[in-house]
Amino acid sequence: MAADGWKAHAALALVQLNYGGYHVITKLALTVGMNQVVFCVFRDLLALSLLGPIAYFKEKCAIL
């Protein structure tokens, strides 16, 4: 179990980097003058396009 500890630390570091990058991009977009509602819609559409196929194929494989 201790040998796999680095995977957990790497995953946590990757999540923190993603949150940091998201914060920078959000701050930049809203500072430039992007509408908050438009930004939220774009964010949700991006999440749907990334997570939708993953959920679809995961459920498709679980049924078979």
PDB file of N, CA and C in Angstrom:
ATOM      1  N   MET A   1       0.819  -1.194   0.000  1.00  0.00           N
ATOM      2  CA  MET A   1       0.000   0.000   0.000  1.00  0.00           C
ATOM      3  C   MET A   1       0.864   1.260   0.000  1.00  0.00           C
ATOM      4  N   ALA A   2       1.974   1.214   0.702  1.00  0.00           N
ATOM      5  CA  ALA A   2       2.828   2.398   0.774  1.00  0.00           C
ATOM      6  C   ALA A   2       3.478   2.716  -0.568  1.00  0.00           C
ATOM      7  N   ALA A   3       3.677   1.692  -1.399  1.00  0.00           N
ATOM      8  CA  ALA A   3       4.283   1.915  -2.706  1.00  0.00           C
ATOM      9  C   ALA A   3       3.355   2.699  -3.625  1.00  0.00           C
ATOM     10  N   ASP A   4       2.050   2.607  -3.411  1.00  0.00           N
ATOM     11  CA  ASP A   4       1.083   3.334  -4.229  1.00  0.00           C
ATOM     12  C   ASP A   4       0.792   4.723  -3.677  1.00  0.00           C
ATOM     13  N   GLY A   5       1.449   5.091  -2.617  1.00  0.00           N
ATOM     14  CA  GLY A   5       1.221   6.407  -2.012  1.00  0.00           C
ATOM     15  C   GLY A   5       1.583   7.548  -2.938  1.00  0.00           C
ATOM     16  N   TRP A   6       2.552   7.337  -3.792  1.00  0.00           N
ATOM     17  CA  TRP A   6       2.954   8.408  -4.711  1.00  0.00           C
ATOM     18  C   TRP A   6       1.846   8.718  -5.706  1.00  0.00           C
ATOM     19  N   LYS A   7       1.020   7.727  -6.044  1.00  0.00           N
ATOM     20  CA  LYS A   7      -0.079   7.966  -6.986  1.00  0.00           C
ATOM     21  C   LYS A   7      -1.100   8.927  -6.382  1.00  0.00           C
ATOM     22  N   ALA A   8      -1.382   8.750  -5.107  1.00  0.00           N
ATOM     23  CA  ALA A   8      -2.329   9.640  -4.440  1.00  0.00           C
ATOM     24  C   ALA A   8      -1.776  11.057  -4.364  1.00  0.00           C
ATOM     25  N   HIS A   9      -0.515  11.178  -4.051  1.00  0.00           N
ATOM     26  CA  HIS A   9       0.103  12.508  -3.978  1.00  0.00           C
ATOM     27  C   HIS A   9       0.155  13.165  -5.350  1.00  0.00           C
ATOM     28  N   ALA A  10       0.447  12.386  -6.377  1.00  0.00           N
ATOM     29  CA  ALA A  10       0.480  12.931  -7.737  1.00  0.00           C
ATOM     30  C   ALA A  10      -0.911  13.373  -8.174  1.00  0.00           C
ATOM     31  N   ALA A  11      -1.928  12.591  -7.831  1.00  0.00           N
ATOM     32  CA  ALA A  11      -3.303  12.961  -8.181  1.00  0.00           C
ATOM     33  C   ALA A  11      -3.715  14.243  -7.465  1.00  0.00           C
ATOM     34  N   LEU A  12      -3.364  14.368  -6.197  1.00  0.00           N
ATOM     35  CA  LEU A  12      -3.706  15.580  -5.450  1.00  0.00           C
ATOM     36  C   LEU A  12      -2.982  16.799  -6.011  1.00  0.00           C
ATOM     37  N   ALA A  13      -1.730  16.628  -6.390  1.00  0.00           N
ATOM     38  CA  ALA A  13      -0.989  17.740  -6.984  1.00  0.00           C
ATOM     39  C   ALA A  13      -1.593  18.140  -8.323  1.00  0.00           C
ATOM     40  N   LEU A  14      -2.009  17.166  -9.113  1.00  0.00           N
ATOM     41  CA  LEU A  14      -2.633  17.450 -10.405  1.00  0.00           C
ATOM     42  C   LEU A  14      -3.959  18.186 -10.227  1.00  0.00           C
ATOM     43  N   VAL A  15      -4.742  17.781  -9.249  1.00  0.00           N
ATOM     44  CA  VAL A  15      -6.012  18.468  -8.972  1.00  0.00           C
ATOM     45  C   VAL A  15      -5.752  19.904  -8.546  1.00  0.00           C
ATOM     46  N   GLN A  16      -4.759  20.126  -7.711  1.00  0.00           N
ATOM     47  CA  GLN A  16      -4.430  21.488  -7.274  1.00  0.00           C
ATOM     48  C   GLN A  16      -3.964  22.346  -8.448  1.00  0.00           C
ATOM     49  N   LEU A  17      -3.174  21.772  -9.352  1.00  0.00           N
ATOM     50  CA  LEU A  17      -2.747  22.513 -10.541  1.00  0.00           C
ATOM     51  C   LEU A  17      -3.941  22.873 -11.419  1.00  0.00           C
ATOM     52  N   ASN A  18      -4.885  21.946 -11.553  1.00  0.00           N
ATOM     53  CA  ASN A  18      -6.087  22.233 -12.341  1.00  0.00           C
ATOM     54  C   ASN A  18      -6.907  23.346 -11.710  1.00  0.00           C
ATOM     55  N   TYR A  19      -7.084  23.307 -10.399  1.00  0.00           N
ATOM     56  CA  TYR A  19      -7.823  24.368  -9.719  1.00  0.00           C
ATOM     57  C   TYR A  19      -7.112  25.715  -9.867  1.00  0.00           C
ATOM     58  N   GLY A  20      -5.814  25.708  -9.748  1.00  0.00           N
ATOM     59  CA  GLY A  20      -5.052  26.947  -9.909  1.00  0.00           C
ATOM     60  C   GLY A  20      -5.174  27.513 -11.310  1.00  0.00           C
ATOM     61  N   GLY A  21      -5.054  26.646 -12.313  1.00  0.00           N
ATOM     62  CA  GLY A  21      -5.210  27.089 -13.693  1.00  0.00           C
ATOM     63  C   GLY A  21      -6.610  27.601 -13.976  1.00  0.00           C
ATOM     64  N   TYR A  22      -7.603  26.929 -13.423  1.00  0.00           N
ATOM     65  CA  TYR A  22      -8.992  27.372 -13.598  1.00  0.00           C
ATOM     66  C   TYR A  22      -9.195  28.749 -12.969  1.00  0.00           C
ATOM     67  N   HIS A  23      -8.615  28.952 -11.807  1.00  0.00           N
ATOM     68  CA  HIS A  23      -8.747  30.241 -11.127  1.00  0.00           C
ATOM     69  C   HIS A  23      -8.116  31.358 -11.961  1.00  0.00           C
ATOM     70  N   VAL A  24      -6.950  31.114 -12.517  1.00  0.00           N
ATOM     71  CA  VAL A  24      -6.267  32.117 -13.340  1.00  0.00           C
ATOM     72  C   VAL A  24      -7.087  32.430 -14.593  1.00  0.00           C
ATOM     73  N   ILE A  25      -7.578  31.383 -15.266  1.00  0.00           N
ATOM     74  CA  ILE A  25      -8.367  31.594 -16.480  1.00  0.00           C
ATOM     75  C   ILE A  25      -9.664  32.332 -16.170  1.00  0.00           C
ATOM     76  N   THR A  26     -10.310  31.970 -15.069  1.00  0.00           N
ATOM     77  CA  THR A  26     -11.546  32.652 -14.675  1.00  0.00           C
ATOM     78  C   THR A  26     -11.289  34.116 -14.379  1.00  0.00           C
ATOM     79  N   LYS A  27     -10.266  34.395 -13.611  1.00  0.00           N
ATOM     80  CA  LYS A  27      -9.941  35.774 -13.268  1.00  0.00           C
ATOM     81  C   LYS A  27      -9.625  36.585 -14.517  1.00  0.00           C
ATOM     82  N   LEU A  28      -8.853  36.005 -15.423  1.00  0.00           N
ATOM     83  CA  LEU A  28      -8.494  36.700 -16.660  1.00  0.00           C
ATOM     84  C   LEU A  28      -9.727  36.971 -17.524  1.00  0.00           C
ATOM     85  N   ALA A  29     -10.586  35.963 -17.689  1.00  0.00           N
ATOM     86  CA  ALA A  29     -11.765  36.125 -18.534  1.00  0.00           C
ATOM     87  C   ALA A  29     -12.713  37.170 -17.961  1.00  0.00           C
ATOM     88  N   LEU A  30     -12.921  37.139 -16.664  1.00  0.00           N
ATOM     89  CA  LEU A  30     -13.857  38.089 -16.070  1.00  0.00           C
ATOM     90  C   LEU A  30     -13.262  39.492 -15.981  1.00  0.00           C
ATOM     91  N   THR A  31     -11.946  39.599 -15.870  1.00  0.00           N
ATOM     92  CA  THR A  31     -11.295  40.905 -15.839  1.00  0.00           C
ATOM     93  C   THR A  31     -11.363  41.574 -17.206  1.00  0.00           C
ATOM     94  N   VAL A  32     -11.217  40.777 -18.258  1.00  0.00           N
ATOM     95  CA  VAL A  32     -11.268  41.316 -19.611  1.00  0.00           C
ATOM     96  C   VAL A  32     -12.655  41.856 -19.926  1.00  0.00           C
ATOM     97  N   GLY A  33     -13.671  41.309 -19.310  1.00  0.00           N
ATOM     98  CA  GLY A  33     -15.020  41.825 -19.509  1.00  0.00           C
ATOM     99  C   GLY A  33     -16.030  40.798 -19.965  1.00  0.00           C
ATOM    100  N   MET A  34     -15.712  39.531 -19.854  1.00  0.00           N
ATOM    101  CA  MET A  34     -16.663  38.501 -20.254  1.00  0.00           C
ATOM    102  C   MET A  34     -17.825  38.473 -19.269  1.00  0.00           C
ATOM    103  N   ASN A  35     -19.007  38.303 -19.802  1.00  0.00           N
ATOM    104  CA  ASN A  35     -20.201  38.239 -18.965  1.00  0.00           C
ATOM    105  C   ASN A  35     -20.154  36.983 -18.094  1.00  0.00           C
ATOM    106  N   GLN A  36     -20.569  37.114 -16.849  1.00  0.00           N
ATOM    107  CA  GLN A  36     -20.505  35.991 -15.917  1.00  0.00           C
ATOM    108  C   GLN A  36     -21.421  34.856 -16.342  1.00  0.00           C
ATOM    109  N   VAL A  37     -22.585  35.175 -16.864  1.00  0.00           N
ATOM    110  CA  VAL A  37     -23.528  34.141 -17.285  1.00  0.00           C
ATOM    111  C   VAL A  37     -22.974  33.386 -18.491  1.00  0.00           C
ATOM    112  N   VAL A  38     -22.398  34.107 -19.436  1.00  0.00           N
ATOM    113  CA  VAL A  38     -21.811  33.465 -20.615  1.00  0.00           C
ATOM    114  C   VAL A  38     -20.656  32.571 -20.192  1.00  0.00           C
ATOM    115  N   PHE A  39     -19.847  33.031 -19.259  1.00  0.00           N
ATOM    116  CA  PHE A  39     -18.733  32.219 -18.783  1.00  0.00           C
ATOM    117  C   PHE A  39     -19.240  30.936 -18.136  1.00  0.00           C
ATOM    118  N   CYS A  40     -20.292  31.021 -17.339  1.00  0.00           N
ATOM    119  CA  CYS A  40     -20.857  29.828 -16.696  1.00  0.00           C
ATOM    120  C   CYS A  40     -21.425  28.851 -17.722  1.00  0.00           C
ATOM    121  N   VAL A  41     -22.065  29.383 -18.766  1.00  0.00           N
ATOM    122  CA  VAL A  41     -22.599  28.509 -19.811  1.00  0.00           C
ATOM    123  C   VAL A  41     -21.457  27.802 -20.540  1.00  0.00           C
ATOM    124  N   PHE A  42     -20.403  28.537 -20.894  1.00  0.00           N
ATOM    125  CA  PHE A  42     -19.254  27.920 -21.549  1.00  0.00           C
ATOM    126  C   PHE A  42     -18.611  26.859 -20.658  1.00  0.00           C
ATOM    127  N   ARG A  43     -18.500  27.162 -19.378  1.00  0.00           N
ATOM    128  CA  ARG A  43     -17.906  26.211 -18.442  1.00  0.00           C
ATOM    129  C   ARG A  43     -18.739  24.932 -18.372  1.00  0.00           C
ATOM    130  N   ASP A  44     -20.056  25.081 -18.311  1.00  0.00           N
ATOM    131  CA  ASP A  44     -20.925  23.910 -18.242  1.00  0.00           C
ATOM    132  C   ASP A  44     -20.916  23.112 -19.542  1.00  0.00           C
ATOM    133  N   LEU A  45     -20.858  23.799 -20.683  1.00  0.00           N
ATOM    134  CA  LEU A  45     -20.791  23.089 -21.961  1.00  0.00           C
ATOM    135  C   LEU A  45     -19.473  22.330 -22.107  1.00  0.00           C
ATOM    136  N   LEU A  46     -18.400  22.910 -21.634  1.00  0.00           N
ATOM    137  CA  LEU A  46     -17.109  22.221 -21.660  1.00  0.00           C
ATOM    138  C   LEU A  46     -17.153  20.976 -20.778  1.00  0.00           C
ATOM    139  N   ALA A  47     -17.717  21.108 -19.583  1.00  0.00           N
ATOM    140  CA  ALA A  47     -17.826  19.954 -18.684  1.00  0.00           C
ATOM    141  C   ALA A  47     -18.703  18.868 -19.301  1.00  0.00           C
ATOM    142  N   LEU A  48     -19.803  19.273 -19.939  1.00  0.00           N
ATOM    143  CA  LEU A  48     -20.685  18.300 -20.574  1.00  0.00           C
ATOM    144  C   LEU A  48     -19.978  17.576 -21.711  1.00  0.00           C
ATOM    145  N   SER A  49     -19.215  18.316 -22.504  1.00  0.00           N
ATOM    146  CA  SER A  49     -18.526  17.685 -23.636  1.00  0.00           C
ATOM    147  C   SER A  49     -17.406  16.764 -23.180  1.00  0.00           C
ATOM    148  N   LEU A  50     -16.827  17.021 -22.016  1.00  0.00           N
ATOM    149  CA  LEU A  50     -15.767  16.149 -21.505  1.00  0.00           C
ATOM    150  C   LEU A  50     -16.317  14.961 -20.718  1.00  0.00           C
ATOM    151  N   LEU A  51     -17.291  15.213 -19.864  1.00  0.00           N
ATOM    152  CA  LEU A  51     -17.791  14.161 -18.987  1.00  0.00           C
ATOM    153  C   LEU A  51     -18.916  13.337 -19.596  1.00  0.00           C
ATOM    154  N   GLY A  52     -19.648  13.907 -20.554  1.00  0.00           N
ATOM    155  CA  GLY A  52     -20.759  13.195 -21.175  1.00  0.00           C
ATOM    156  C   GLY A  52     -20.348  11.893 -21.845  1.00  0.00           C
ATOM    157  N   PRO A  53     -19.365  11.932 -22.739  1.00  0.00           N
ATOM    158  CA  PRO A  53     -18.948  10.667 -23.371  1.00  0.00           C
ATOM    159  C   PRO A  53     -18.388   9.646 -22.378  1.00  0.00           C
ATOM    160  N   ILE A  54     -17.692  10.126 -21.380  1.00  0.00           N
ATOM    161  CA  ILE A  54     -17.151   9.197 -20.370  1.00  0.00           C
ATOM    162  C   ILE A  54     -18.296   8.495 -19.644  1.00  0.00           C
ATOM    163  N   ALA A  55     -19.303   9.256 -19.229  1.00  0.00           N
ATOM    164  CA  ALA A  55     -20.447   8.664 -18.533  1.00  0.00           C
ATOM    165  C   ALA A  55     -21.226   7.726 -19.449  1.00  0.00           C
ATOM    166  N   TYR A  56     -21.386   8.126 -20.704  1.00  0.00           N
ATOM    167  CA  TYR A  56     -22.133   7.295 -21.655  1.00  0.00           C
ATOM    168  C   TYR A  56     -21.464   5.935 -21.840  1.00  0.00           C
ATOM    169  N   PHE A  57     -20.174   5.935 -22.121  1.00  0.00           N
ATOM    170  CA  PHE A  57     -19.497   4.675 -22.372  1.00  0.00           C
ATOM    171  C   PHE A  57     -19.331   3.843 -21.097  1.00  0.00           C
ATOM    172  N   LYS A  58     -19.201   4.514 -19.981  1.00  0.00           N
ATOM    173  CA  LYS A  58     -19.102   3.770 -18.722  1.00  0.00           C
ATOM    174  C   LYS A  58     -20.421   3.058 -18.425  1.00  0.00           C
ATOM    175  N   GLU A  59     -21.544   3.734 -18.638  1.00  0.00           N
ATOM    176  CA  GLU A  59     -22.852   3.113 -18.419  1.00  0.00           C
ATOM    177  C   GLU A  59     -23.126   2.042 -19.458  1.00  0.00           C
ATOM    178  N   LYS A  60     -22.702   2.275 -20.688  1.00  0.00           N
ATOM    179  CA  LYS A  60     -22.920   1.307 -21.750  1.00  0.00           C
ATOM    180  C   LYS A  60     -22.196  -0.005 -21.438  1.00  0.00           C
ATOM    181  N   CYS A  61     -20.965   0.107 -20.934  1.00  0.00           N
ATOM    182  CA  CYS A  61     -20.196  -1.080 -20.581  1.00  0.00           C
ATOM    183  C   CYS A  61     -20.745  -1.756 -19.326  1.00  0.00           C
ATOM    184  N   ALA A  62     -21.332  -0.983 -18.410  1.00  0.00           N
ATOM    185  CA  ALA A  62     -21.849  -1.556 -17.167  1.00  0.00           C
ATOM    186  C   ALA A  62     -23.110  -2.379 -17.444  1.00  0.00           C
ATOM    187  N   ILE A  63     -23.886  -1.996 -18.444  1.00  0.00           N
ATOM    188  CA  ILE A  63     -25.121  -2.716 -18.758  1.00  0.00           C
ATOM    189  C   ILE A  63     -24.802  -4.048 -19.424  1.00  0.00           C
ATOM    190  N   LEU A  64     -23.805  -4.064 -20.264  1.00  0.00           N
ATOM    191  CA  LEU A  64     -23.430  -5.305 -20.956  1.00  0.00           C
ATOM    192  C   LEU A  64     -22.722  -6.188 -20.005  1.00  0.00           C
TER     193      LEU A  64
END
